[in-house]
Structure formats: structure tokens, C-alpha cells
């Protein structure tokens, strides 16, 4: 159930805005660790999420009666209280961006991803094999993304993290407004600045 599920076109089942899907489970990457989870809500007023990081043997379950609550922010935020390597992007202090060229590239990739445009120039070949399916927008319609901003970065070379069969050197964390809601996206980059994986909430 925690294995990647495939669509008939060979692409991975999608999470938002990255990460794979298993049989009923979302399978994002979080701070370099594999995670699994599931959320649920209905317009009668409840919303909920369960997030587990198997490598850390940690699980967070959030149950609310507030339908519009940003439950993933709450869930990921709790992890950082137990393990400092799991501090959530939205709880990080903004740092100066020492590589604005990479930030320009991450924004361009995000806009291309959500508009259905070509993304191969930004990513590893291995990620293209596993990139989740994102429906194309109608011609002429721009993706609903604004206020894309750098938060922080982590050097991951010593952790020997591999995503989609490629070694990761750096994680870069960003915030953006997506269709009126604040969202957070993490990019996992190779030594030469190519995107090996990405995930968000």
C-alpha cells in the first residue's frame, strides 16, 4: 500500500504538488524523509489528517471541526517539536537567498508544472520518469500562483539522501500563494542544481 501507484500513461499518481501516491495513501518527501499520509474533510465541517514518517517512527493525527483549517501545516508543524530535523518550512525563519538564480529556476519550474508546460530542462531524467501527473490548464490561462518566495535551504550532502535514484545535495524551501491559499514547497536538488524531487503542503 506504500508503493508507488502508476497511471496508464506510466506517470506516478500525484500528490500536491509532488510526491507519489500508493493505494489510498499520499507518499510525499518531507525534509528529506519519506512520509505517508491521508487527509479527509467534508462540507459538514470536519477536516483531518494522518501523517507518518516511518524512518523516524513518528505519527501525527490532527482532527478538527474547522473545515478550512490548514491541517497539514498543523501536522507537519508538530513534528518539529519532537525532532529538530523535522522543523516545518512554515516554522522556519526566512534566510537571505545566496542563490537567487536557483530561486528563479524553482519559480519557473513551478509555473511550468502547473500550466502543463515542458519541465525537462529543470529536472533530472529520473524525476521525469516519476513526475506526478498534473492536468494541463486551458490555453491562455495562467497557473494561480503568486508571491513565490524563498524561505531557507539545507545542505543535505552529509545525509546521503537519494530521491528517484539520484543523490540529493540540497533542499530549498519556498512559500507561495496558490489559488488564494498559502502553500509551502520543498525542492530537492542535485549538486548541479537539477530538481531530483519536490513536495509541498
Protein backbone atom coordinates (compact mmCIF):
# COMPACT_ATOMS: atom_id res chain seq x y z
CA UNK A 1 0.00 0.00 0.00
CA UNK A 2 3.01 2.28 0.47
CA UNK A 3 4.39 1.57 -3.01
CA UNK A 4 4.08 3.95 -5.94
CA UNK A 5 0.90 3.55 -7.93
CA UNK A 6 1.03 4.20 -11.67
CA UNK A 7 -1.40 5.70 -14.15
CA UNK A 8 -1.95 4.03 -17.51
CA UNK A 9 0.44 6.57 -19.11
CA UNK A 10 3.26 5.43 -16.82
CA UNK A 11 3.34 8.52 -14.60
CA UNK A 12 3.04 8.33 -10.83
CA UNK A 13 -0.28 9.05 -9.16
CA UNK A 14 0.02 12.66 -7.98
CA UNK A 15 0.06 14.33 -4.62
CA UNK A 16 0.12 18.10 -4.16
CA UNK A 17 2.29 19.39 -5.68
CA UNK A 18 4.72 16.49 -5.68
CA UNK A 19 5.21 13.09 -4.18
CA UNK A 20 3.71 9.83 -5.21
CA UNK A 21 0.54 8.06 -4.24
CA UNK A 22 0.17 4.49 -3.05
CA UNK A 23 -3.04 2.54 -2.61
CA UNK A 24 -5.07 5.18 -0.81
CA UNK A 25 -2.00 6.85 0.70
CA UNK A 26 -0.17 10.05 -0.24
CA UNK A 27 3.60 9.50 -0.23
CA UNK A 28 5.41 12.86 -0.10
CA UNK A 29 9.01 13.60 0.82
CA UNK A 30 9.32 15.72 3.94
CA UNK A 31 12.64 17.32 4.96
CA UNK A 32 14.39 14.56 3.06
CA UNK A 33 12.44 11.73 4.67
CA UNK A 34 9.78 9.58 3.08
CA UNK A 35 6.33 10.18 4.57
CA UNK A 36 2.92 8.61 4.16
CA UNK A 37 -0.42 10.12 5.00
CA UNK A 38 -4.06 10.64 4.27
CA UNK A 39 -6.44 13.52 4.83
CA UNK A 40 -10.19 13.80 4.85
CA UNK A 41 -12.81 16.53 5.04
CA UNK A 42 -16.39 17.28 4.14
CA UNK A 43 -18.53 20.38 3.99
CA UNK A 44 -20.40 19.26 7.11
CA UNK A 45 -17.49 20.86 8.95
CA UNK A 46 -14.73 18.38 9.76
CA UNK A 47 -11.21 18.02 8.47
CA UNK A 48 -8.47 15.59 9.43
CA UNK A 49 -5.05 14.29 8.50
CA UNK A 50 -2.70 11.48 9.48
CA UNK A 51 1.00 11.82 8.62
CA UNK A 52 3.64 9.19 9.38
CA UNK A 53 7.41 9.33 8.91
CA UNK A 54 8.39 5.64 9.09
CA UNK A 55 12.15 6.26 9.36
CA UNK A 56 11.56 8.37 12.49
CA UNK A 57 8.79 6.14 13.87
CA UNK A 58 6.63 9.25 14.32
CA UNK A 59 2.94 9.69 13.50
CA UNK A 60 0.79 12.80 13.88
CA UNK A 61 -3.01 12.75 13.66
CA UNK A 62 -4.95 16.01 13.51
CA UNK A 63 -8.74 16.06 13.92
CA UNK A 64 -10.70 19.31 13.78
CA UNK A 65 -14.24 20.57 13.39
CA UNK A 66 -13.00 23.55 11.37
CA UNK A 67 -13.38 22.72 7.69
CA UNK A 68 -10.99 25.41 6.42
CA UNK A 69 -8.17 24.63 8.86
CA UNK A 70 -4.72 24.19 7.27
CA UNK A 71 -4.33 20.77 8.87
CA UNK A 72 -1.13 19.79 7.06
CA UNK A 73 0.54 22.91 8.46
CA UNK A 74 -0.51 21.83 11.94
CA UNK A 75 0.59 18.23 11.41
CA UNK A 76 4.00 19.00 9.94
CA UNK A 77 4.48 21.77 12.49
CA UNK A 78 4.11 19.28 15.35
CA UNK A 79 6.94 17.07 14.07
CA UNK A 80 9.49 19.82 14.69
CA UNK A 81 8.71 19.86 18.41
CA UNK A 82 9.89 16.25 18.66
CA UNK A 83 12.79 16.27 16.22
CA UNK A 84 14.67 19.43 15.11
CA UNK A 85 15.47 17.84 11.72
CA UNK A 86 11.72 17.84 11.04
CA UNK A 87 11.00 21.54 11.57
CA UNK A 88 8.34 22.56 9.06
CA UNK A 89 9.10 25.10 6.31
CA UNK A 90 6.36 27.42 7.59
CA UNK A 91 8.03 27.49 11.04
CA UNK A 92 11.47 28.38 9.68
CA UNK A 93 12.86 31.90 9.85
CA UNK A 94 13.43 33.43 6.44
CA UNK A 95 17.10 33.50 5.43
CA UNK A 96 18.92 35.62 2.82
CA UNK A 97 18.91 33.83 -0.51
CA UNK A 98 22.52 33.19 -1.52
CA UNK A 99 21.44 31.67 -4.85
CA UNK A 100 18.70 33.84 -6.38
CA UNK A 101 19.43 32.15 -9.71
CA UNK A 102 18.16 28.87 -8.25
CA UNK A 103 15.07 30.60 -6.89
CA UNK A 104 14.32 31.96 -10.36
CA UNK A 105 14.65 28.42 -11.68
CA UNK A 106 12.40 26.93 -8.96
CA UNK A 107 9.69 29.52 -9.69
CA UNK A 108 9.91 28.88 -13.43
CA UNK A 109 9.61 25.14 -12.85
CA UNK A 110 6.56 25.61 -10.60
CA UNK A 111 4.80 27.81 -13.15
CA UNK A 112 5.63 25.33 -15.92
CA UNK A 113 4.44 22.39 -13.82
CA UNK A 114 1.03 23.86 -13.09
CA UNK A 115 0.50 25.15 -16.61
CA UNK A 116 1.35 21.78 -18.17
CA UNK A 117 4.44 23.16 -19.94
CA UNK A 118 7.74 21.36 -20.53
CA UNK A 119 9.78 20.78 -17.36
CA UNK A 120 12.63 18.53 -18.54
CA UNK A 121 15.18 21.36 -18.54
CA UNK A 122 14.73 21.80 -14.78
CA UNK A 123 14.77 18.21 -13.54
CA UNK A 124 16.75 15.01 -13.56
CA UNK A 125 15.78 12.41 -16.15
CA UNK A 126 14.86 10.11 -13.27
CA UNK A 127 12.32 12.59 -11.89
CA UNK A 128 10.68 12.86 -15.30
CA UNK A 129 10.00 9.12 -15.15
CA UNK A 130 8.27 9.52 -11.78
CA UNK A 131 6.82 13.02 -12.08
CA UNK A 132 3.23 13.06 -10.88
CA UNK A 133 0.57 13.87 -13.43
CA UNK A 134 -0.72 17.46 -13.32
CA UNK A 135 -3.67 18.34 -15.59
CA UNK A 136 -2.93 20.99 -18.20
CA UNK A 137 -4.61 24.35 -17.85
CA UNK A 138 -6.79 25.63 -20.71
CA UNK A 139 -4.82 27.54 -23.35
CA UNK A 140 -4.04 31.09 -22.27
CA UNK A 141 -4.86 30.54 -18.60
CA UNK A 142 -2.05 31.23 -16.13
CA UNK A 143 -1.48 28.98 -13.09
CA UNK A 144 -2.98 30.50 -9.90
CA UNK A 145 0.43 31.15 -8.30
CA UNK A 146 1.69 34.39 -6.75
CA UNK A 147 4.03 35.62 -4.00
CA UNK A 148 6.61 32.90 -4.65
CA UNK A 149 9.38 33.49 -2.08
CA UNK A 150 12.49 31.78 -0.73
CA UNK A 151 12.49 30.72 2.94
CA UNK A 152 15.63 28.70 3.67
CA UNK A 153 17.99 25.99 2.47
CA UNK A 154 19.64 22.89 3.95
CA UNK A 155 22.86 21.26 2.82
CA UNK A 156 21.97 17.54 2.60
CA UNK A 157 25.22 16.14 1.21
CA UNK A 158 26.23 14.52 4.50
CA UNK A 159 22.85 12.78 4.85
CA UNK A 160 23.28 10.78 1.63
CA UNK A 161 19.64 11.20 0.65
CA UNK A 162 18.56 9.58 -2.61
CA UNK A 163 15.33 10.65 -4.34
CA UNK A 164 14.19 8.98 -7.55
CA UNK A 165 17.51 7.10 -7.77
CA UNK A 166 19.62 10.29 -7.64
CA UNK A 167 21.72 11.65 -4.74
CA UNK A 168 20.41 14.91 -3.30
CA UNK A 169 22.78 17.73 -2.30
CA UNK A 170 20.41 20.47 -1.11
CA UNK A 171 16.84 21.16 -0.01
CA UNK A 172 15.36 24.58 -0.77
CA UNK A 173 12.14 25.73 0.91
CA UNK A 174 9.67 28.22 -0.57
CA UNK A 175 6.30 29.73 0.16
CA UNK A 176 3.71 30.75 -2.41
CA UNK A 177 0.10 31.70 -2.70
CA UNK A 178 -1.76 29.02 -4.64
CA UNK A 179 -5.31 29.86 -5.69
CA UNK A 180 -5.73 32.11 -2.66
CA UNK A 181 -4.16 29.80 -0.07
CA UNK A 182 -0.65 29.84 1.41
CA UNK A 183 1.35 26.78 0.35
CA UNK A 184 4.86 25.55 1.03
CA UNK A 185 7.03 23.68 -1.44
CA UNK A 186 10.40 21.97 -0.98
CA UNK A 187 12.79 21.19 -3.83
CA UNK A 188 15.47 18.52 -3.54
CA UNK A 189 18.38 19.44 -5.79
CA UNK A 190 21.38 17.59 -7.15
CA UNK A 191 24.89 19.01 -6.94
CA UNK A 192 24.44 20.65 -10.34
CA UNK A 193 21.12 22.29 -9.37
CA UNK A 194 18.69 19.95 -11.07
CA UNK A 195 15.44 19.02 -9.32
CA UNK A 196 15.52 15.40 -8.15
CA UNK A 197 12.25 15.61 -6.22
CA UNK A 198 9.79 18.11 -4.78
CA UNK A 199 6.88 18.07 -2.37
CA UNK A 200 4.56 20.51 -0.68
CA UNK A 201 1.58 21.16 1.53
